[in-house]
Amino acid sequence: MKCKKARWRLSAYQDGELAPAPAREVEMHLQHCAACRSELEALDGLLGNLRHLAMPVAAPGFSVRVMAGLQARPRARFRLLPQLAYTLALLVIFVSGFLLEMSANGPPAAPVQPATTFSAVLAESLDLGLLTVHDSTMELLNGDDHEN
């Protein structure tokens, strides 16, 4: 067991709250680690000092004053108006920004429609230099009936 893990468990070990297996691991670590033994001794000293302190006594009427203070507090109610106001303000800001963008740049451009016919795909590919197509094939696909 490493020191960091042992130190995390020292308080529970001291109070007898560890299961038997983890308690044995801490005991084994303490046999070999002077720093962790010193930490446990410091915890023992602190606990001993705390046991010698007198139990604090509450002032007369303390609990009555606390309970009266709890009852006097107004109950928090859910208020819908502030939430609606914030939502409306954000909506106005968003719509205003959208309208400003539209007025500055115009409506968004329509997306380019892809070619939908086989001849259009061939013609587009031919224009891009991706395909070599005979002129007679293009005429046939376009429906041109020119006889040679």
C-alpha atoms as a PDB file:
ATOM      1  CA  MET A   1       0.000   0.000   0.000  1.00  0.00           C
ATOM      2  CA  LYS A   2       1.259   3.460  -0.859  1.00  0.00           C
ATOM      3  CA  CYS A   3       1.418   6.292   1.679  1.00  0.00           C
ATOM      4  CA  LYS A   4      -1.282   8.349  -0.034  1.00  0.00           C
ATOM      5  CA  LYS A   5      -3.821   5.515   0.217  1.00  0.00           C
ATOM      6  CA  ALA A   6      -2.781   4.714   3.794  1.00  0.00           C
ATOM      7  CA  ARG A   7      -3.178   8.357   4.873  1.00  0.00           C
ATOM      8  CA  TRP A   8      -6.674   8.459   3.403  1.00  0.00           C
ATOM      9  CA  ARG A   9      -7.570   5.471   5.579  1.00  0.00           C
ATOM     10  CA  LEU A  10      -5.840   6.494   8.825  1.00  0.00           C
ATOM     11  CA  SER A  11      -8.841   8.231  10.380  1.00  0.00           C
ATOM     12  CA  ALA A  12     -11.163   5.313   9.617  1.00  0.00           C
ATOM     13  CA  TYR A  13      -8.470   2.912  10.905  1.00  0.00           C
ATOM     14  CA  GLN A  14      -8.151   4.930  14.099  1.00  0.00           C
ATOM     15  CA  ASP A  15     -11.923   4.858  14.627  1.00  0.00           C
ATOM     16  CA  GLY A  16     -12.140   1.114  13.932  1.00  0.00           C
ATOM     17  CA  GLU A  17     -14.340   1.639  10.874  1.00  0.00           C
ATOM     18  CA  LEU A  18     -12.250  -0.332   8.360  1.00  0.00           C
ATOM     19  CA  ALA A  19     -13.119  -3.844   7.284  1.00  0.00           C
ATOM     20  CA  PRO A  20     -10.578  -6.481   8.417  1.00  0.00           C
ATOM     21  CA  ALA A  21      -8.695  -6.749   5.104  1.00  0.00           C
ATOM     22  CA  PRO A  22      -8.094  -2.981   4.609  1.00  0.00           C
ATOM     23  CA  ALA A  23      -7.239  -2.641   8.325  1.00  0.00           C
ATOM     24  CA  ARG A  24      -4.534  -5.336   7.933  1.00  0.00           C
ATOM     25  CA  GLU A  25      -3.164  -3.497   4.880  1.00  0.00           C
ATOM     26  CA  VAL A  26      -2.905  -0.266   6.887  1.00  0.00           C
ATOM     27  CA  GLU A  27      -1.247  -2.108   9.808  1.00  0.00           C
ATOM     28  CA  MET A  28       1.317  -3.678   7.458  1.00  0.00           C
ATOM     29  CA  HIS A  29       2.040  -0.289   5.927  1.00  0.00           C
ATOM     30  CA  LEU A  30       2.415   1.326   9.353  1.00  0.00           C
ATOM     31  CA  GLN A  31       5.011  -1.323  10.348  1.00  0.00           C
ATOM     32  CA  HIS A  32       7.265  -0.219   7.499  1.00  0.00           C
ATOM     33  CA  CYS A  33       6.504   3.515   7.136  1.00  0.00           C
ATOM     34  CA  ALA A  34       7.682   5.934   9.822  1.00  0.00           C
ATOM     35  CA  ALA A  35       5.991   8.937   8.161  1.00  0.00           C
ATOM     36  CA  CYS A  36       2.545   7.321   8.281  1.00  0.00           C
ATOM     37  CA  ARG A  37       3.119   6.147  11.869  1.00  0.00           C
ATOM     38  CA  SER A  38       3.948   9.747  12.766  1.00  0.00           C
ATOM     39  CA  GLU A  39       0.734  10.880  11.047  1.00  0.00           C
ATOM     40  CA  LEU A  40      -1.281   8.349  13.064  1.00  0.00           C
ATOM     41  CA  GLU A  41       0.368   9.532  16.306  1.00  0.00           C
ATOM     42  CA  ALA A  42      -0.545  13.129  15.428  1.00  0.00           C
ATOM     43  CA  LEU A  43      -4.151  12.048  14.855  1.00  0.00           C
ATOM     44  CA  ASP A  44      -4.116  10.235  18.212  1.00  0.00           C
ATOM     45  CA  GLY A  45      -2.835  13.401  19.905  1.00  0.00           C
ATOM     46  CA  LEU A  46      -5.508  15.529  18.252  1.00  0.00           C
ATOM     47  CA  LEU A  47      -8.236  13.110  19.250  1.00  0.00           C
ATOM     48  CA  GLY A  48      -6.923  13.034  22.824  1.00  0.00           C
ATOM     49  CA  ASN A  49      -6.970  16.847  23.008  1.00  0.00           C
ATOM     50  CA  LEU A  50     -10.518  16.943  21.680  1.00  0.00           C
ATOM     51  CA  ARG A  51     -11.666  14.437  24.302  1.00  0.00           C
ATOM     52  CA  HIS A  52     -10.321  16.658  27.102  1.00  0.00           C
ATOM     53  CA  LEU A  53     -12.262  19.698  25.952  1.00  0.00           C
ATOM     54  CA  ALA A  54     -15.472  20.556  27.746  1.00  0.00           C
ATOM     55  CA  MET A  55     -18.667  20.101  25.792  1.00  0.00           C
ATOM     56  CA  PRO A  56     -19.952  23.529  24.750  1.00  0.00           C
ATOM     57  CA  VAL A  57     -23.252  24.566  26.285  1.00  0.00           C
ATOM     58  CA  ALA A  58     -25.800  26.491  24.278  1.00  0.00           C
ATOM     59  CA  ALA A  59     -27.001  29.834  25.605  1.00  0.00           C
ATOM     60  CA  PRO A  60     -30.417  29.793  27.300  1.00  0.00           C
ATOM     61  CA  GLY A  61     -33.202  30.079  24.760  1.00  0.00           C
ATOM     62  CA  PHE A  62     -30.876  29.343  21.824  1.00  0.00           C
ATOM     63  CA  SER A  63     -33.014  26.585  20.314  1.00  0.00           C
ATOM     64  CA  VAL A  64     -36.196  28.670  20.749  1.00  0.00           C
ATOM     65  CA  ARG A  65     -34.591  31.589  18.848  1.00  0.00           C
ATOM     66  CA  VAL A  66     -33.388  29.274  16.085  1.00  0.00           C
ATOM     67  CA  MET A  67     -36.812  27.715  15.660  1.00  0.00           C
ATOM     68  CA  ALA A  68     -38.521  31.124  15.682  1.00  0.00           C
ATOM     69  CA  GLY A  69     -36.116  32.329  13.005  1.00  0.00           C
ATOM     70  CA  LEU A  70     -36.923  29.349  10.836  1.00  0.00           C
ATOM     71  CA  GLN A  71     -40.656  29.919  11.115  1.00  0.00           C
ATOM     72  CA  ALA A  72     -40.396  33.669  10.452  1.00  0.00           C
ATOM     73  CA  ARG A  73     -38.684  33.190   7.105  1.00  0.00           C
ATOM     74  CA  PRO A  74     -41.033  33.629   4.175  1.00  0.00           C
ATOM     75  CA  ARG A  75     -41.279  30.590   1.978  1.00  0.00           C
ATOM     76  CA  ALA A  76     -39.603  30.972  -1.360  1.00  0.00           C
ATOM     77  CA  ARG A  77     -42.163  30.812  -4.119  1.00  0.00           C
ATOM     78  CA  PHE A  78     -41.583  30.013  -7.719  1.00  0.00           C
ATOM     79  CA  ARG A  79     -41.933  33.232  -9.644  1.00  0.00           C
ATOM     80  CA  LEU A  80     -42.758  32.813 -13.303  1.00  0.00           C
ATOM     81  CA  LEU A  81     -42.470  36.462 -14.346  1.00  0.00           C
ATOM     82  CA  PRO A  82     -38.653  36.815 -14.084  1.00  0.00           C
ATOM     83  CA  GLN A  83     -38.089  33.601 -16.034  1.00  0.00           C
ATOM     84  CA  LEU A  84     -40.475  34.739 -18.767  1.00  0.00           C
ATOM     85  CA  ALA A  85     -38.800  38.150 -18.919  1.00  0.00           C
ATOM     86  CA  TYR A  86     -35.343  36.595 -19.373  1.00  0.00           C
ATOM     87  CA  THR A  87     -36.644  34.190 -22.006  1.00  0.00           C
ATOM     88  CA  LEU A  88     -38.368  36.983 -23.897  1.00  0.00           C
ATOM     89  CA  ALA A  89     -35.244  39.162 -23.758  1.00  0.00           C
ATOM     90  CA  LEU A  90     -33.090  36.350 -25.163  1.00  0.00           C
ATOM     91  CA  LEU A  91     -35.643  35.663 -27.875  1.00  0.00           C
ATOM     92  CA  VAL A  92     -35.719  39.349 -28.885  1.00  0.00           C
ATOM     93  CA  ILE A  93     -31.900  39.440 -29.012  1.00  0.00           C
ATOM     94  CA  PHE A  94     -31.766  36.294 -31.151  1.00  0.00           C
ATOM     95  CA  VAL A  95     -34.455  37.463 -33.591  1.00  0.00           C
ATOM     96  CA  SER A  96     -32.866  40.931 -33.838  1.00  0.00           C
ATOM     97  CA  GLY A  97     -29.492  39.406 -34.656  1.00  0.00           C
ATOM     98  CA  PHE A  98     -31.062  37.164 -37.280  1.00  0.00           C
ATOM     99  CA  LEU A  99     -32.904  40.084 -38.898  1.00  0.00           C
ATOM    100  CA  LEU A 100     -29.757  42.231 -38.884  1.00  0.00           C
ATOM    101  CA  GLU A 101     -27.834  39.439 -40.569  1.00  0.00           C
ATOM    102  CA  MET A 102     -30.567  39.037 -43.181  1.00  0.00           C
ATOM    103  CA  SER A 103     -30.703  42.775 -43.933  1.00  0.00           C
ATOM    104  CA  ALA A 104     -26.917  43.038 -44.220  1.00  0.00           C
ATOM    105  CA  ASN A 105     -26.273  39.970 -46.376  1.00  0.00           C
ATOM    106  CA  GLY A 106     -29.619  39.243 -47.977  1.00  0.00           C
ATOM    107  CA  PRO A 107     -31.366  35.898 -47.842  1.00  0.00           C
ATOM    108  CA  PRO A 108     -29.192  32.820 -47.782  1.00  0.00           C
ATOM    109  CA  ALA A 109     -28.243  31.454 -51.183  1.00  0.00           C
ATOM    110  CA  ALA A 110     -30.195  28.444 -52.400  1.00  0.00           C
ATOM    111  CA  PRO A 111     -28.097  25.288 -52.373  1.00  0.00           C
ATOM    112  CA  VAL A 112     -26.904  24.023 -55.740  1.00  0.00           C
ATOM    113  CA  GLN A 113     -29.094  21.148 -56.845  1.00  0.00           C
ATOM    114  CA  PRO A 114     -27.202  18.061 -57.939  1.00  0.00           C
ATOM    115  CA  ALA A 115     -27.607  16.713 -61.450  1.00  0.00           C
ATOM    116  CA  THR A 116     -30.577  14.374 -61.603  1.00  0.00           C
ATOM    117  CA  THR A 117     -30.410  12.796 -65.062  1.00  0.00           C
ATOM    118  CA  PHE A 118     -27.780  10.515 -66.473  1.00  0.00           C
ATOM    119  CA  SER A 119     -26.975  12.884 -69.336  1.00  0.00           C
ATOM    120  CA  ALA A 120     -26.617  15.788 -66.878  1.00  0.00           C
ATOM    121  CA  VAL A 121     -24.182  13.724 -64.791  1.00  0.00           C
ATOM    122  CA  LEU A 122     -22.188  12.874 -67.930  1.00  0.00           C
ATOM    123  CA  ALA A 123     -22.197  16.489 -69.082  1.00  0.00           C
ATOM    124  CA  GLU A 124     -21.081  17.718 -65.636  1.00  0.00           C
ATOM    125  CA  SER A 125     -18.333  15.098 -65.498  1.00  0.00           C
ATOM    126  CA  LEU A 126     -17.258  16.038 -69.021  1.00  0.00           C
ATOM    127  CA  ASP A 127     -17.091  19.731 -68.075  1.00  0.00           C
ATOM    128  CA  LEU A 128     -14.887  18.916 -65.103  1.00  0.00           C
ATOM    129  CA  GLY A 129     -12.602  16.766 -67.239  1.00  0.00           C
ATOM    130  CA  LEU A 130     -13.387  13.666 -65.256  1.00  0.00           C
ATOM    131  CA  LEU A 131     -14.791  11.697 -68.134  1.00  0.00           C
ATOM    132  CA  THR A 132     -14.344  11.391 -71.851  1.00  0.00           C
ATOM    133  CA  VAL A 133     -17.675  11.018 -73.649  1.00  0.00           C
ATOM    134  CA  HIS A 134     -18.207  10.766 -77.370  1.00  0.00           C
ATOM    135  CA  ASP A 135     -20.302  13.556 -78.862  1.00  0.00           C
ATOM    136  CA  SER A 136     -22.576  10.956 -80.439  1.00  0.00           C
ATOM    137  CA  THR A 137     -23.274   9.461 -77.012  1.00  0.00           C
ATOM    138  CA  MET A 138     -24.256  12.876 -75.650  1.00  0.00           C
ATOM    139  CA  GLU A 139     -26.507  13.495 -78.666  1.00  0.00           C
ATOM    140  CA  LEU A 140     -28.142  10.130 -78.135  1.00  0.00           C
ATOM    141  CA  LEU A 141     -28.757  10.821 -74.446  1.00  0.00           C
ATOM    142  CA  ASN A 142     -30.057  14.333 -75.090  1.00  0.00           C
ATOM    143  CA  GLY A 143     -32.467  13.025 -77.707  1.00  0.00           C
ATOM    144  CA  ASP A 144     -30.885  14.797 -80.662  1.00  0.00           C
ATOM    145  CA  ASP A 145     -31.673  12.798 -83.829  1.00  0.00           C
ATOM    146  CA  HIS A 146     -29.034  14.070 -86.232  1.00  0.00           C
ATOM    147  CA  GLU A 147     -28.126  11.517 -88.814  1.00  0.00           C
ATOM    148  CA  ASN A 148     -24.713  11.697 -90.381  1.00  0.00           C
END
